[in-house]
Amino acid sequence: MKVLLSAEAKRDLGRLPTVMKARGQDVFDRLAKWPEVSGVKWLTDKWAGHARIRTGSWRVIFRVEETRIVVARIRPRKDAYK
């Protein structure tokens, strides 16, 4: 499956520490193998329809569309759901 980044996620990726950029790419590679991805949690309320996957204390929030996965945010846990 194709993994795309929203404009906000691209900005988030550019601001990540170097170590997290590599981890982020690992997460994108995992998401490309959807639905065989472990560690995904579906979100509710404001983020209904989105899911998240953890990488350390960072969260990658995404939504699954028919033929692609769109990453909405890449943020530290404390800021991810605001």
Protein backbone atom coordinates (compact mmCIF):
# COMPACT_ATOMS: atom_id res chain seq x y z
CA MET A 1 0.00 0.00 0.00
CA LYS A 2 1.22 3.52 -0.74
CA VAL A 3 2.06 5.78 2.23
CA LEU A 4 1.56 9.52 1.73
CA LEU A 5 2.33 12.40 4.09
CA SER A 6 -0.01 15.34 4.64
CA ALA A 7 1.50 18.83 4.53
CA GLU A 8 1.50 18.93 8.34
CA ALA A 9 3.19 15.53 8.56
CA LYS A 10 5.90 16.70 6.13
CA ARG A 11 6.57 19.70 8.37
CA ASP A 12 6.64 17.42 11.42
CA LEU A 13 9.10 15.08 9.68
CA GLY A 14 11.42 17.98 8.88
CA ARG A 15 11.49 18.99 12.55
CA LEU A 16 12.24 15.52 13.90
CA PRO A 17 15.55 14.73 15.56
CA THR A 18 17.87 12.76 13.24
CA VAL A 19 17.36 9.47 15.10
CA MET A 20 13.59 9.83 14.85
CA LYS A 21 13.73 10.47 11.09
CA ALA A 22 15.21 7.00 10.61
CA ARG A 23 12.61 5.50 12.95
CA GLY A 24 9.90 7.34 11.05
CA GLN A 25 11.02 5.74 7.80
CA ASP A 26 10.85 2.33 9.50
CA VAL A 27 7.26 3.07 10.54
CA PHE A 28 6.36 4.12 6.98
CA ASP A 29 7.83 0.86 5.68
CA ARG A 30 5.71 -1.07 8.21
CA LEU A 31 2.57 0.83 7.25
CA ALA A 32 3.14 0.01 3.58
CA LYS A 33 2.49 -3.65 4.50
CA TRP A 34 -1.03 -2.84 5.71
CA PRO A 35 -3.03 -4.70 7.11
CA GLU A 36 -0.23 -6.90 8.50
CA VAL A 37 0.84 -4.14 10.91
CA SER A 38 1.04 -4.73 14.65
CA GLY A 39 0.82 -2.12 17.38
CA VAL A 40 -1.89 -0.02 15.76
CA LYS A 41 -4.52 1.56 17.99
CA TRP A 42 -7.69 3.10 16.53
CA LEU A 43 -8.51 6.54 17.87
CA THR A 44 -11.86 7.99 18.95
CA ASP A 45 -13.58 11.36 19.45
CA LYS A 46 -11.81 14.14 17.54
CA TRP A 47 -9.55 11.62 15.79
CA ALA A 48 -12.26 9.08 14.87
CA GLY A 49 -11.33 7.32 11.63
CA HIS A 50 -7.62 7.65 12.37
CA ALA A 51 -5.20 5.24 13.95
CA ARG A 52 -1.85 5.64 15.63
CA ILE A 53 1.33 3.66 15.83
CA ARG A 54 4.04 4.27 18.41
CA THR A 55 7.73 4.66 17.90
CA GLY A 56 9.31 5.36 21.26
CA SER A 57 7.57 8.36 22.82
CA TRP A 58 6.47 9.60 19.38
CA ARG A 59 3.16 8.89 17.68
CA VAL A 60 2.42 8.58 13.98
CA ILE A 61 -1.27 9.33 13.38
CA PHE A 62 -2.70 8.12 10.08
CA ARG A 63 -5.88 7.17 8.26
CA VAL A 64 -6.43 4.27 5.89
CA GLU A 65 -8.06 4.98 2.57
CA GLU A 66 -8.88 2.46 -0.15
CA THR A 67 -5.48 2.29 -1.83
CA ARG A 68 -3.29 4.40 0.41
CA ILE A 69 -2.37 5.40 3.92
CA VAL A 70 -2.24 9.11 4.70
CA VAL A 71 -0.05 10.15 7.62
CA ALA A 72 -1.64 13.14 9.36
CA ARG A 73 0.88 13.85 12.15
CA ILE A 74 4.20 12.80 13.61
CA ARG A 75 4.47 14.23 17.09
CA PRO A 76 5.69 13.50 20.62
CA ARG A 77 3.05 11.84 22.77
CA LYS A 78 2.35 14.96 24.81
CA ASP A 79 1.43 16.99 21.69
CA ALA A 80 0.11 14.32 19.34
CA TYR A 81 -3.60 14.54 20.04
CA LYS A 82 -4.04 18.32 20.41
